[in-house]
C-alpha atoms as a PDB file:
ATOM      1  CA  MET A   1     125.787 111.849  85.021  1.00  0.00           C
ATOM      2  CA  HIS A   2     125.211 114.718  82.919  1.00  0.00           C
ATOM      3  CA  ILE A   3     124.993 118.523  83.234  1.00  0.00           C
ATOM      4  CA  VAL A   4     122.266 120.099  81.580  1.00  0.00           C
ATOM      5  CA  ASN A   5     123.896 122.967  79.210  1.00  0.00           C
ATOM      6  CA  ASP A   6     123.680 126.608  79.048  1.00  0.00           C
ATOM      7  CA  ALA A   7     120.875 126.351  76.469  1.00  0.00           C
ATOM      8  CA  ILE A   8     118.403 125.523  79.298  1.00  0.00           C
ATOM      9  CA  ALA A   9     120.711 126.986  82.355  1.00  0.00           C
ATOM     10  CA  SER A  10     118.179 130.024  82.077  1.00  0.00           C
ATOM     11  CA  LEU A  11     115.422 127.849  83.230  1.00  0.00           C
ATOM     12  CA  THR A  12     116.106 127.250  87.594  1.00  0.00           C
ATOM     13  CA  SER A  13     113.333 126.188  88.624  1.00  0.00           C
ATOM     14  CA  GLU A  14     111.129 123.435  88.866  1.00  0.00           C
ATOM     15  CA  ALA A  15     108.062 125.289  87.965  1.00  0.00           C
ATOM     16  CA  GLU A  16     109.477 127.037  84.321  1.00  0.00           C
ATOM     17  CA  TYR A  17     110.675 123.467  83.694  1.00  0.00           C
ATOM     18  CA  LEU A  18     106.916 122.115  83.923  1.00  0.00           C
ATOM     19  CA  SER A  19     105.816 125.195  82.031  1.00  0.00           C
ATOM     20  CA  MET A  20     107.280 124.769  79.494  1.00  0.00           C
ATOM     21  CA  LEU A  21     107.103 120.340  78.837  1.00  0.00           C
ATOM     22  CA  SER A  22     103.558 120.918  79.902  1.00  0.00           C
ATOM     23  CA  SER A  23     103.013 123.627  77.082  1.00  0.00           C
ATOM     24  CA  PHE A  24     104.791 121.383  75.018  1.00  0.00           C
ATOM     25  CA  ALA A  25     103.230 117.895  75.235  1.00  0.00           C
ATOM     26  CA  PHE A  26      99.264 120.342  75.070  1.00  0.00           C
ATOM     27  CA  GLU A  27     100.944 121.886  71.598  1.00  0.00           C
ATOM     28  CA  ASN A  28     102.266 118.348  70.011  1.00  0.00           C
ATOM     29  CA  GLY A  29      99.650 116.148  70.990  1.00  0.00           C
ATOM     30  CA  MET A  30     101.590 113.880  73.869  1.00  0.00           C
ATOM     31  CA  SER A  31     100.021 112.239  76.373  1.00  0.00           C
ATOM     32  CA  MET A  32     101.813 113.766  79.775  1.00  0.00           C
ATOM     33  CA  ALA A  33     101.371 112.279  83.253  1.00  0.00           C
ATOM     34  CA  LEU A  34     103.085 113.945  86.204  1.00  0.00           C
ATOM     35  CA  TRP A  35     102.933 112.578  89.612  1.00  0.00           C
ATOM     36  CA  ARG A  36     104.890 112.542  93.738  1.00  0.00           C
ATOM     37  CA  LEU A  37     104.957 109.427  95.871  1.00  0.00           C
ATOM     38  CA  PRO A  38     103.479 109.821  99.334  1.00  0.00           C
ATOM     39  CA  ASP A  39     106.201 111.256 101.595  1.00  0.00           C
ATOM     40  CA  ASP A  40     108.987 111.503  98.209  1.00  0.00           C
ATOM     41  CA  PRO A  41     110.395 115.092  97.367  1.00  0.00           C
ATOM     42  CA  ALA A  42     110.701 113.507  94.022  1.00  0.00           C
ATOM     43  CA  HIS A  43     108.125 115.269  91.041  1.00  0.00           C
ATOM     44  CA  HIS A  44     108.323 112.231  87.952  1.00  0.00           C
ATOM     45  CA  LEU A  45     107.528 113.418  84.822  1.00  0.00           C
ATOM     46  CA  ILE A  46     106.307 111.557  81.410  1.00  0.00           C
ATOM     47  CA  LEU A  47     105.945 112.414  78.033  1.00  0.00           C
ATOM     48  CA  SER A  48     104.448 109.849  75.462  1.00  0.00           C
ATOM     49  CA  ASP A  49     103.629 109.883  71.642  1.00  0.00           C
ATOM     50  CA  ASP A  50     101.779 107.548  72.476  1.00  0.00           C
ATOM     51  CA  HIS A  51      99.276 106.323  74.421  1.00  0.00           C
ATOM     52  CA  HIS A  52      97.290 103.059  73.503  1.00  0.00           C
ATOM     53  CA  LEU A  53      94.781 100.268  75.823  1.00  0.00           C
ATOM     54  CA  VAL A  54      96.180  97.251  77.676  1.00  0.00           C
ATOM     55  CA  ALA A  55      94.275  94.516  77.983  1.00  0.00           C
ATOM     56  CA  LYS A  56      93.096  93.585  81.539  1.00  0.00           C
ATOM     57  CA  SER A  57      95.288  89.912  81.252  1.00  0.00           C
ATOM     58  CA  LYS A  58      98.434  92.227  80.403  1.00  0.00           C
ATOM     59  CA  THR A  59     100.503  91.719  83.823  1.00  0.00           C
ATOM     60  CA  LEU A  60     102.529  94.907  85.171  1.00  0.00           C
ATOM     61  CA  GLU A  61     105.363  92.937  84.651  1.00  0.00           C
ATOM     62  CA  ASP A  62     105.535  92.267  81.343  1.00  0.00           C
ATOM     63  CA  LEU A  63     105.551  96.669  80.339  1.00  0.00           C
ATOM     64  CA  PRO A  64     108.139  98.909  80.358  1.00  0.00           C
ATOM     65  CA  HIS A  65     108.325 102.502  82.097  1.00  0.00           C
ATOM     66  CA  GLY A  66     105.854 104.175  82.207  1.00  0.00           C
ATOM     67  CA  PHE A  67     101.912 105.225  83.853  1.00  0.00           C
ATOM     68  CA  ILE A  68      98.564 103.310  83.521  1.00  0.00           C
ATOM     69  CA  PHE A  69      95.649 105.221  83.820  1.00  0.00           C
ATOM     70  CA  ALA A  70      93.028 102.885  84.934  1.00  0.00           C
ATOM     71  CA  PRO A  71      88.434 103.978  84.627  1.00  0.00           C
ATOM     72  CA  PHE A  72      86.413 102.959  87.460  1.00  0.00           C
ATOM     73  CA  ASN A  73      85.025 100.383  85.651  1.00  0.00           C
ATOM     74  CA  SER A  74      87.753  97.776  85.563  1.00  0.00           C
ATOM     75  CA  GLU A  75      85.994  96.048  82.911  1.00  0.00           C
ATOM     76  CA  LYS A  76      87.058  98.977  80.231  1.00  0.00           C
ATOM     77  CA  GLY A  77      91.213  98.632  79.139  1.00  0.00           C
ATOM     78  CA  ARG A  78      93.637 100.822  81.077  1.00  0.00           C
ATOM     79  CA  ILE A  79      95.325 103.224  78.995  1.00  0.00           C
ATOM     80  CA  PHE A  80      98.914 103.038  79.304  1.00  0.00           C
ATOM     81  CA  LEU A  81     101.920 105.646  78.613  1.00  0.00           C
ATOM     82  CA  GLU A  82     105.368 104.346  78.034  1.00  0.00           C
ATOM     83  CA  SER A  83     107.662 107.003  79.604  1.00  0.00           C
ATOM     84  CA  ASP A  84     109.205 108.139  76.025  1.00  0.00           C
ATOM     85  CA  LEU A  85     110.662 110.793  77.955  1.00  0.00           C
ATOM     86  CA  TYR A  86     111.092 111.154  81.663  1.00  0.00           C
ATOM     87  CA  PHE A  87     112.557 113.827  84.031  1.00  0.00           C
ATOM     88  CA  VAL A  88     112.877 113.714  87.567  1.00  0.00           C
ATOM     89  CA  PHE A  89     112.587 116.720  89.511  1.00  0.00           C
ATOM     90  CA  LYS A  90     114.238 117.515  93.205  1.00  0.00           C
ATOM     91  CA  ASP A  91     114.473 120.452  95.964  1.00  0.00           C
ATOM     92  CA  ASN A  92     112.981 122.422  92.833  1.00  0.00           C
ATOM     93  CA  ARG A  93     115.509 121.971  90.266  1.00  0.00           C
ATOM     94  CA  LEU A  94     115.733 119.209  87.244  1.00  0.00           C
ATOM     95  CA  ALA A  95     117.873 116.471  89.179  1.00  0.00           C
ATOM     96  CA  ARG A  96     120.957 115.081  87.115  1.00  0.00           C
ATOM     97  CA  SER A  97     120.417 111.638  85.173  1.00  0.00           C
ATOM     98  CA  GLU A  98     120.275 108.324  86.677  1.00  0.00           C
ATOM     99  CA  THR A  99     119.075 106.130  84.044  1.00  0.00           C
ATOM    100  CA  PRO A 100     119.629 105.854  80.654  1.00  0.00           C
ATOM    101  CA  LYS A 101     115.932 106.795  80.151  1.00  0.00           C
ATOM    102  CA  GLN A 102     117.149 110.054  81.909  1.00  0.00           C
ATOM    103  CA  GLU A 103     120.171 110.879  79.825  1.00  0.00           C
ATOM    104  CA  ALA A 104     118.614 110.386  76.340  1.00  0.00           C
ATOM    105  CA  SER A 105     115.873 112.900  77.829  1.00  0.00           C
ATOM    106  CA  LEU A 106     117.768 115.540  78.848  1.00  0.00           C
ATOM    107  CA  ASN A 107     119.841 115.415  75.812  1.00  0.00           C
ATOM    108  CA  TRP A 108     116.775 115.891  73.968  1.00  0.00           C
ATOM    109  CA  LEU A 109     115.905 118.689  76.565  1.00  0.00           C
ATOM    110  CA  SER A 110     118.934 120.406  75.831  1.00  0.00           C
ATOM    111  CA  VAL A 111     118.264 120.187  71.966  1.00  0.00           C
ATOM    112  CA  GLN A 112     114.835 121.339  72.005  1.00  0.00           C
ATOM    113  CA  ALA A 113     115.296 124.344  74.819  1.00  0.00           C
ATOM    114  CA  GLN A 114     115.213 126.989  73.254  1.00  0.00           C
ATOM    115  CA  ALA A 115     112.662 126.268  70.740  1.00  0.00           C
ATOM    116  CA  PHE A 116     110.245 125.857  73.547  1.00  0.00           C
ATOM    117  CA  ARG A 117     107.790 128.485  74.304  1.00  0.00           C
ATOM    118  CA  LYS A 118     105.011 128.830  77.096  1.00  0.00           C
ATOM    119  CA  HIS A 119     101.661 129.394  76.179  1.00  0.00           C
ATOM    120  CA  PRO A 120      98.627 129.610  78.489  1.00  0.00           C
ATOM    121  CA  ILE A 121      96.601 125.961  78.264  1.00  0.00           C
ATOM    122  CA  LYS A 122      93.194 126.336  77.828  1.00  0.00           C
ATOM    123  CA  TYR A 123      91.567 123.598  79.463  1.00  0.00           C
ATOM    124  CA  ARG A 124      88.107 122.663  77.494  1.00  0.00           C
ATOM    125  CA  ARG A 125      84.758 121.491  79.370  1.00  0.00           C
ATOM    126  CA  PRO A 126      84.623 117.695  77.327  1.00  0.00           C
ATOM    127  CA  ALA A 127      81.226 117.391  76.325  1.00  0.00           C
ATOM    128  CA  SER A 128      79.232 115.138  78.175  1.00  0.00           C
ATOM    129  CA  ALA A 129      75.844 113.156  77.822  1.00  0.00           C
ATOM    130  CA  TYR A 130      75.340 113.257  82.065  1.00  0.00           C
ATOM    131  CA  LEU A 131      73.209 116.438  83.522  1.00  0.00           C
ATOM    132  CA  GLU A 132      74.165 117.095  86.997  1.00  0.00           C
ATOM    133  CA  LYS A 133      71.555 115.543  89.368  1.00  0.00           C
ATOM    134  CA  ASP A 134      69.747 117.065  92.321  1.00  0.00           C
ATOM    135  CA  LYS A 135      69.777 116.509  95.650  1.00  0.00           C
ATOM    136  CA  ASP A 136      66.615 114.448  95.726  1.00  0.00           C
ATOM    137  CA  HIS A 137      68.234 112.199  93.398  1.00  0.00           C
ATOM    138  CA  PHE A 138      71.263 111.325  95.387  1.00  0.00           C
ATOM    139  CA  ILE A 139      69.103 111.199  98.960  1.00  0.00           C
ATOM    140  CA  THR A 140      67.152 108.374  97.189  1.00  0.00           C
ATOM    141  CA  MET A 141      70.037 106.650  95.859  1.00  0.00           C
ATOM    142  CA  VAL A 142      71.396 106.467  99.830  1.00  0.00           C
ATOM    143  CA  GLU A 143      67.964 105.767 100.846  1.00  0.00           C
ATOM    144  CA  ASN A 144      67.939 102.545  98.352  1.00  0.00           C
ATOM    145  CA  ALA A 145      71.631 102.176  99.350  1.00  0.00           C
ATOM    146  CA  ILE A 146      70.144 101.152 103.107  1.00  0.00           C
ATOM    147  CA  GLN A 147      67.446  99.362 102.120  1.00  0.00           C
ATOM    148  CA  ASP A 148      69.914  97.077  99.847  1.00  0.00           C
ATOM    149  CA  ILE A 149      72.190  96.454 102.937  1.00  0.00           C
ATOM    150  CA  GLY A 150      69.404  95.979 104.834  1.00  0.00           C
ATOM    151  CA  GLU A 151      67.987  93.070 102.581  1.00  0.00           C
ATOM    152  CA  ASN A 152      72.196  91.833 101.941  1.00  0.00           C
ATOM    153  CA  ARG A 153      72.610  92.640  98.895  1.00  0.00           C
ATOM    154  CA  PHE A 154      76.075  94.052 100.120  1.00  0.00           C
ATOM    155  CA  GLU A 155      77.524  95.444 103.325  1.00  0.00           C
ATOM    156  CA  LYS A 156      79.070  98.826 101.889  1.00  0.00           C
ATOM    157  CA  VAL A 157      78.461 101.324  99.171  1.00  0.00           C
ATOM    158  CA  VAL A 158      80.262 104.744  97.955  1.00  0.00           C
ATOM    159  CA  PRO A 159      77.553 106.594  95.993  1.00  0.00           C
ATOM    160  CA  SER A 160      79.192 110.121  94.478  1.00  0.00           C
ATOM    161  CA  ARG A 161      77.861 113.304  92.598  1.00  0.00           C
ATOM    162  CA  PHE A 162      79.395 115.420  90.380  1.00  0.00           C
ATOM    163  CA  LYS A 163      79.554 118.540  89.284  1.00  0.00           C
ATOM    164  CA  LYS A 164      80.670 120.393  86.553  1.00  0.00           C
ATOM    165  CA  MET A 165      82.737 124.196  87.301  1.00  0.00           C
ATOM    166  CA  ASP A 166      84.412 126.762  84.954  1.00  0.00           C
ATOM    167  CA  LEU A 167      88.005 127.387  85.332  1.00  0.00           C
ATOM    168  CA  PRO A 168      89.576 130.483  85.894  1.00  0.00           C
ATOM    169  CA  GLU A 169      90.705 132.183  82.931  1.00  0.00           C
ATOM    170  CA  SER A 170      94.031 132.477  86.264  1.00  0.00           C
ATOM    171  CA  PHE A 171      94.115 128.417  86.156  1.00  0.00           C
ATOM    172  CA  ASP A 172      97.484 127.115  86.349  1.00  0.00           C
ATOM    173  CA  ALA A 173      97.796 122.964  86.519  1.00  0.00           C
ATOM    174  CA  MET A 174     101.158 122.770  87.065  1.00  0.00           C
ATOM    175  CA  GLN A 175     100.924 125.801  89.772  1.00  0.00           C
ATOM    176  CA  ALA A 176      97.859 123.538  91.453  1.00  0.00           C
ATOM    177  CA  PHE A 177      99.629 120.386  91.478  1.00  0.00           C
ATOM    178  CA  GLN A 178     102.050 122.042  93.431  1.00  0.00           C
ATOM    179  CA  LYS A 179     100.076 123.437  95.991  1.00  0.00           C
ATOM    180  CA  LEU A 180      98.223 119.673  96.697  1.00  0.00           C
ATOM    181  CA  CYS A 181     102.055 118.199  97.235  1.00  0.00           C
ATOM    182  CA  LEU A 182     102.801 120.855  99.439  1.00  0.00           C
ATOM    183  CA  THR A 183      98.499 119.879 101.404  1.00  0.00           C
ATOM    184  CA  TYR A 184      98.852 116.608 101.267  1.00  0.00           C
ATOM    185  CA  PRO A 185     102.911 115.309 101.788  1.00  0.00           C
ATOM    186  CA  ASN A 186     101.568 111.635 102.795  1.00  0.00           C
ATOM    187  CA  THR A 187      99.590 110.989  99.178  1.00  0.00           C
ATOM    188  CA  LEU A 188      99.912 110.504  96.109  1.00  0.00           C
ATOM    189  CA  VAL A 189      99.167 113.412  94.180  1.00  0.00           C
ATOM    190  CA  SER A 190      99.102 113.100  90.258  1.00  0.00           C
ATOM    191  CA  PHE A 191      98.427 115.232  86.902  1.00  0.00           C
ATOM    192  CA  VAL A 192      97.582 113.397  83.723  1.00  0.00           C
ATOM    193  CA  HIS A 193      96.765 114.496  80.072  1.00  0.00           C
ATOM    194  CA  ILE A 194      95.680 112.306  77.255  1.00  0.00           C
ATOM    195  CA  PRO A 195      94.801 113.790  73.847  1.00  0.00           C
ATOM    196  CA  GLY A 196      91.157 112.271  73.749  1.00  0.00           C
ATOM    197  CA  THR A 197      90.802 111.455  76.944  1.00  0.00           C
ATOM    198  CA  GLY A 198      91.032 114.274  79.346  1.00  0.00           C
ATOM    199  CA  THR A 199      93.039 116.276  81.878  1.00  0.00           C
ATOM    200  CA  TRP A 200      92.790 114.608  85.200  1.00  0.00           C
ATOM    201  CA  LEU A 201      94.447 116.071  88.830  1.00  0.00           C
ATOM    202  CA  GLY A 202      94.403 114.545  92.599  1.00  0.00           C
ATOM    203  CA  ALA A 203      95.920 113.629  95.658  1.00  0.00           C
ATOM    204  CA  SER A 204      94.791 109.814  97.048  1.00  0.00           C
ATOM    205  CA  PRO A 205      96.073 108.812 100.616  1.00  0.00           C
ATOM    206  CA  GLU A 206      95.638 105.289  99.511  1.00  0.00           C
ATOM    207  CA  THR A 207      97.984 102.751  98.741  1.00  0.00           C
ATOM    208  CA  LEU A 208      96.249 100.538  96.085  1.00  0.00           C
ATOM    209  CA  VAL A 209      99.543  98.053  94.956  1.00  0.00           C
ATOM    210  CA  SER A 210     103.432  98.340  95.716  1.00  0.00           C
ATOM    211  CA  VAL A 211     106.253  96.382  94.442  1.00  0.00           C
ATOM    212  CA  GLU A 212     109.591  97.609  95.793  1.00  0.00           C
ATOM    213  CA  ASN A 213     112.540  95.694  93.617  1.00  0.00           C
ATOM    214  CA  GLY A 214     110.422  92.873  92.714  1.00  0.00           C
ATOM    215  CA  SER A 215     110.704  91.491  96.298  1.00  0.00           C
ATOM    216  CA  VAL A 216     107.904  93.285  98.381  1.00  0.00           C
ATOM    217  CA  PHE A 217     104.282  93.275  98.186  1.00  0.00           C
ATOM    218  CA  LYS A 218     102.326  95.750 100.196  1.00  0.00           C
ATOM    219  CA  THR A 219      98.488  96.927 100.108  1.00  0.00           C
ATOM    220  CA  VAL A 220      96.778  98.573 102.554  1.00  0.00           C
ATOM    221  CA  ALA A 221      93.161  98.731 104.752  1.00  0.00           C
ATOM    222  CA  LEU A 222      91.952 102.153 104.612  1.00  0.00           C
ATOM    223  CA  ALA A 223      88.822 103.750 105.757  1.00  0.00           C
ATOM    224  CA  GLY A 224      86.802 105.705 108.552  1.00  0.00           C
ATOM    225  CA  THR A 225      87.468 109.270 108.263  1.00  0.00           C
ATOM    226  CA  LYS A 226      87.528 112.455 110.839  1.00  0.00           C
ATOM    227  CA  PRO A 227      88.364 115.851 110.715  1.00  0.00           C
ATOM    228  CA  TYR A 228      91.915 116.521 111.903  1.00  0.00           C
ATOM    229  CA  GLN A 229      93.480 119.922 113.828  1.00  0.00           C
ATOM    230  CA  ALA A 230      96.833 120.929 113.363  1.00  0.00           C
ATOM    231  CA  GLY A 231      98.553 119.648 116.967  1.00  0.00           C
ATOM    232  CA  VAL A 232      96.507 116.960 117.393  1.00  0.00           C
ATOM    233  CA  ASN A 233      97.900 114.109 118.985  1.00  0.00           C
ATOM    234  CA  ILE A 234      97.152 111.479 116.963  1.00  0.00           C
ATOM    235  CA  LYS A 235      97.508 109.066 119.023  1.00  0.00           C
ATOM    236  CA  SER A 236      95.011 109.902 121.206  1.00  0.00           C
ATOM    237  CA  VAL A 237      92.407 110.000 118.734  1.00  0.00           C
ATOM    238  CA  ALA A 238      89.050 108.046 119.437  1.00  0.00           C
ATOM    239  CA  TRP A 239      87.044 106.139 117.046  1.00  0.00           C
ATOM    240  CA  THR A 240      83.402 104.931 117.060  1.00  0.00           C
ATOM    241  CA  GLN A 241      82.671 101.776 117.001  1.00  0.00           C
ATOM    242  CA  LYS A 242      80.969 102.420 113.438  1.00  0.00           C
ATOM    243  CA  GLU A 243      83.735 103.740 111.780  1.00  0.00           C
ATOM    244  CA  ILE A 244      86.264 100.758 113.628  1.00  0.00           C
ATOM    245  CA  GLU A 245      83.891  98.346 111.693  1.00  0.00           C
ATOM    246  CA  GLU A 246      84.312 100.515 108.605  1.00  0.00           C
ATOM    247  CA  GLN A 247      88.244 100.337 108.610  1.00  0.00           C
ATOM    248  CA  ALA A 248      87.687  96.560 109.508  1.00  0.00           C
ATOM    249  CA  LEU A 249      85.716  95.969 106.668  1.00  0.00           C
ATOM    250  CA  VAL A 250      88.472  96.860 104.347  1.00  0.00           C
ATOM    251  CA  GLU A 251      90.938  94.469 106.017  1.00  0.00           C
ATOM    252  CA  ARG A 252      88.649  91.479 105.633  1.00  0.00           C
ATOM    253  CA  TYR A 253      87.939  91.628 102.224  1.00  0.00           C
ATOM    254  CA  ILE A 254      91.824  92.353 101.659  1.00  0.00           C
ATOM    255  CA  ILE A 255      92.600  88.975 103.223  1.00  0.00           C
ATOM    256  CA  SER A 256      89.649  87.152 101.355  1.00  0.00           C
ATOM    257  CA  CYS A 257      91.526  88.171  98.205  1.00  0.00           C
ATOM    258  CA  PHE A 258      94.839  87.058  99.857  1.00  0.00           C
ATOM    259  CA  LYS A 259      92.518  83.210 100.754  1.00  0.00           C
ATOM    260  CA  LYS A 260      91.366  83.671  96.585  1.00  0.00           C
ATOM    261  CA  ILE A 261      94.577  82.986  95.716  1.00  0.00           C
ATOM    262  CA  ARG A 262      95.552  80.409  98.193  1.00  0.00           C
ATOM    263  CA  LEU A 263      98.248  82.838 100.351  1.00  0.00           C
ATOM    264  CA  ARG A 264      98.121  82.613 103.768  1.00  0.00           C
ATOM    265  CA  GLU A 265     102.072  84.378 104.538  1.00  0.00           C
ATOM    266  CA  PHE A 266     101.628  87.559 104.948  1.00  0.00           C
ATOM    267  CA  ASP A 267     102.035  91.143 107.832  1.00  0.00           C
ATOM    268  CA  GLU A 268      99.275  92.925 109.355  1.00  0.00           C
ATOM    269  CA  HIS A 269     100.322  96.045 111.250  1.00  0.00           C
ATOM    270  CA  GLY A 270      97.642  97.932 112.152  1.00  0.00           C
ATOM    271  CA  PRO A 271      94.922  99.495 112.462  1.00  0.00           C
ATOM    272  CA  LYS A 272      96.826 103.229 113.005  1.00  0.00           C
ATOM    273  CA  THR A 273      95.135 106.587 112.899  1.00  0.00           C
ATOM    274  CA  VAL A 274      96.800 108.569 109.936  1.00  0.00           C
ATOM    275  CA  VAL A 275      96.597 112.065 108.377  1.00  0.00           C
ATOM    276  CA  ALA A 276      96.041 112.860 105.053  1.00  0.00           C
ATOM    277  CA  GLY A 277      95.858 116.365 104.247  1.00  0.00           C
ATOM    278  CA  ASN A 278      92.637 117.602 106.941  1.00  0.00           C
ATOM    279  CA  LEU A 279      91.546 114.620 107.573  1.00  0.00           C
ATOM    280  CA  LEU A 280      92.223 111.567 109.602  1.00  0.00           C
ATOM    281  CA  HIS A 281      92.072 107.961 108.799  1.00  0.00           C
ATOM    282  CA  LEU A 282      92.379 104.502 110.726  1.00  0.00           C
ATOM    283  CA  LYS A 283      94.926 102.299 108.218  1.00  0.00           C
ATOM    284  CA  SER A 284      96.174  99.225 108.194  1.00  0.00           C
ATOM    285  CA  ASP A 285     100.048  97.568 106.466  1.00  0.00           C
ATOM    286  CA  PHE A 286     100.100  94.403 104.550  1.00  0.00           C
ATOM    287  CA  THR A 287     103.677  93.377 103.044  1.00  0.00           C
ATOM    288  CA  VAL A 288     103.813  89.556 101.454  1.00  0.00           C
ATOM    289  CA  ASP A 289     107.505  88.484 100.912  1.00  0.00           C
ATOM    290  CA  MET A 290     106.958  87.862  96.950  1.00  0.00           C
ATOM    291  CA  LYS A 291     110.251  85.530  96.918  1.00  0.00           C
ATOM    292  CA  ALA A 292     109.686  83.543 100.174  1.00  0.00           C
ATOM    293  CA  THR A 293     106.310  82.669  98.218  1.00  0.00           C
ATOM    294  CA  ASN A 294     107.625  82.071  94.887  1.00  0.00           C
ATOM    295  CA  PHE A 295     104.633  84.581  93.428  1.00  0.00           C
ATOM    296  CA  PRO A 296     107.107  87.005  91.050  1.00  0.00           C
ATOM    297  CA  GLN A 297     103.388  88.554  89.588  1.00  0.00           C
ATOM    298  CA  LEU A 298     101.319  88.948  93.368  1.00  0.00           C
ATOM    299  CA  GLY A 299     101.370  92.964  91.801  1.00  0.00           C
ATOM    300  CA  SER A 300      99.421  92.091  88.822  1.00  0.00           C
ATOM    301  CA  VAL A 301      96.938  89.324  90.487  1.00  0.00           C
ATOM    302  CA  MET A 302      95.818  91.922  93.337  1.00  0.00           C
ATOM    303  CA  LEU A 303      95.399  94.838  91.198  1.00  0.00           C
ATOM    304  CA  ASP A 304      93.264  92.808  89.555  1.00  0.00           C
ATOM    305  CA  LEU A 305      91.351  91.623  92.818  1.00  0.00           C
ATOM    306  CA  LEU A 306      91.300  95.014  94.413  1.00  0.00           C
ATOM    307  CA  HIS A 307      89.806  98.065  91.970  1.00  0.00           C
ATOM    308  CA  PRO A 308      88.624  99.647  92.695  1.00  0.00           C
ATOM    309  CA  THR A 309      88.558  99.033  96.228  1.00  0.00           C
ATOM    310  CA  SER A 310      86.011  98.988  98.952  1.00  0.00           C
ATOM    311  CA  ALA A 311      87.054 102.528  99.590  1.00  0.00           C
ATOM    312  CA  VAL A 312      85.212 103.654  96.443  1.00  0.00           C
ATOM    313  CA  CYS A 313      82.911 101.659  95.260  1.00  0.00           C
ATOM    314  CA  GLY A 314      82.083  98.803  98.384  1.00  0.00           C
ATOM    315  CA  MET A 315      81.622  95.306  98.892  1.00  0.00           C
ATOM    316  CA  PRO A 316      81.539  93.265  98.351  1.00  0.00           C
ATOM    317  CA  LEU A 317      82.725  93.807  94.750  1.00  0.00           C
ATOM    318  CA  ASP A 318      80.316  92.807  91.993  1.00  0.00           C
ATOM    319  CA  GLY A 319      77.475  94.141  94.490  1.00  0.00           C
ATOM    320  CA  ALA A 320      78.294  97.645  94.937  1.00  0.00           C
ATOM    321  CA  SER A 321      79.077  97.890  91.832  1.00  0.00           C
ATOM    322  CA  LYS A 322      76.184  96.814  89.849  1.00  0.00           C
ATOM    323  CA  PHE A 323      74.139  99.017  92.335  1.00  0.00           C
ATOM    324  CA  LEU A 324      76.196 102.414  91.465  1.00  0.00           C
ATOM    325  CA  ALA A 325      76.069 101.389  87.751  1.00  0.00           C
ATOM    326  CA  THR A 326      72.042 101.259  88.245  1.00  0.00           C
ATOM    327  CA  ASN A 327      71.692 104.454  90.445  1.00  0.00           C
ATOM    328  CA  GLU A 328      74.717 107.168  90.080  1.00  0.00           C
ATOM    329  CA  GLY A 329      73.488 107.898  86.517  1.00  0.00           C
ATOM    330  CA  TYR A 330      76.987 108.615  85.241  1.00  0.00           C
ATOM    331  CA  ASP A 331      79.959 107.236  83.823  1.00  0.00           C
ATOM    332  CA  ARG A 332      82.877 107.654  86.785  1.00  0.00           C
ATOM    333  CA  GLU A 333      85.632 107.986  83.729  1.00  0.00           C
END
């Protein structure tokens, strides 16, 4: 166990550490990933001297500790940030080391601390070849989607729009990250900065793939949306047939992926109503015993089959993704 020495004793809160470390990463051209897993009080931060593309054929099981950032287009390369430095924060404090990587990172932090300076980070809007589309363009896209669904080209599609906005001078990404953690305790909250790629902040309630101790695989079918009001008994929430069928579509798609790889031994629980911030969703959990099924690379295999999920793209995947590439008019990145 490592005790952080006096050189950084003056930095008492997580917010101070995050401000210092993020400023250091930006000033020195390092990649950075900061995240909080659903229903987990710990915040994880890695700094990486080098980020690189990993081939789609590369399995998660072959990669060292780090963070993968993948584009919406599954044919493009995934960016991997290896954790050259790794820190964990618990209870608003920098946690003591539990691994050799954390130990080395805390030693590095002790040496570097006196040279740290916090400078306001200026986020620049990247040059974009895409122009914002007006409301009429989006309405036309939805009409085209309805027509294609009627012609059985796909069952579901999720069109999107984007909007360019200027950040206020007072914007602080680390404060925004912590605010998201408080507002959305049941989601994955992440902040990612990669030189040349951009800076991204978000929260998602959908678990794409989870592998615990190399032995338990989990994924979820999440769909259907209602506004949530504090105090409402979620067990008494009524869902329409449309919302129930929408969630069932996602369930059937996950099961079809299991069938593709000849996996029949899985547990399914749900659907149940869950809260995500100010919204309600229908959710079903799928679990597989990887040792009993003798499928050690199930996480990587299902990741390829599920991304991008029907919740953000549509289903079947090929038809929905082709429609979006043709009609949206911009790259989701």
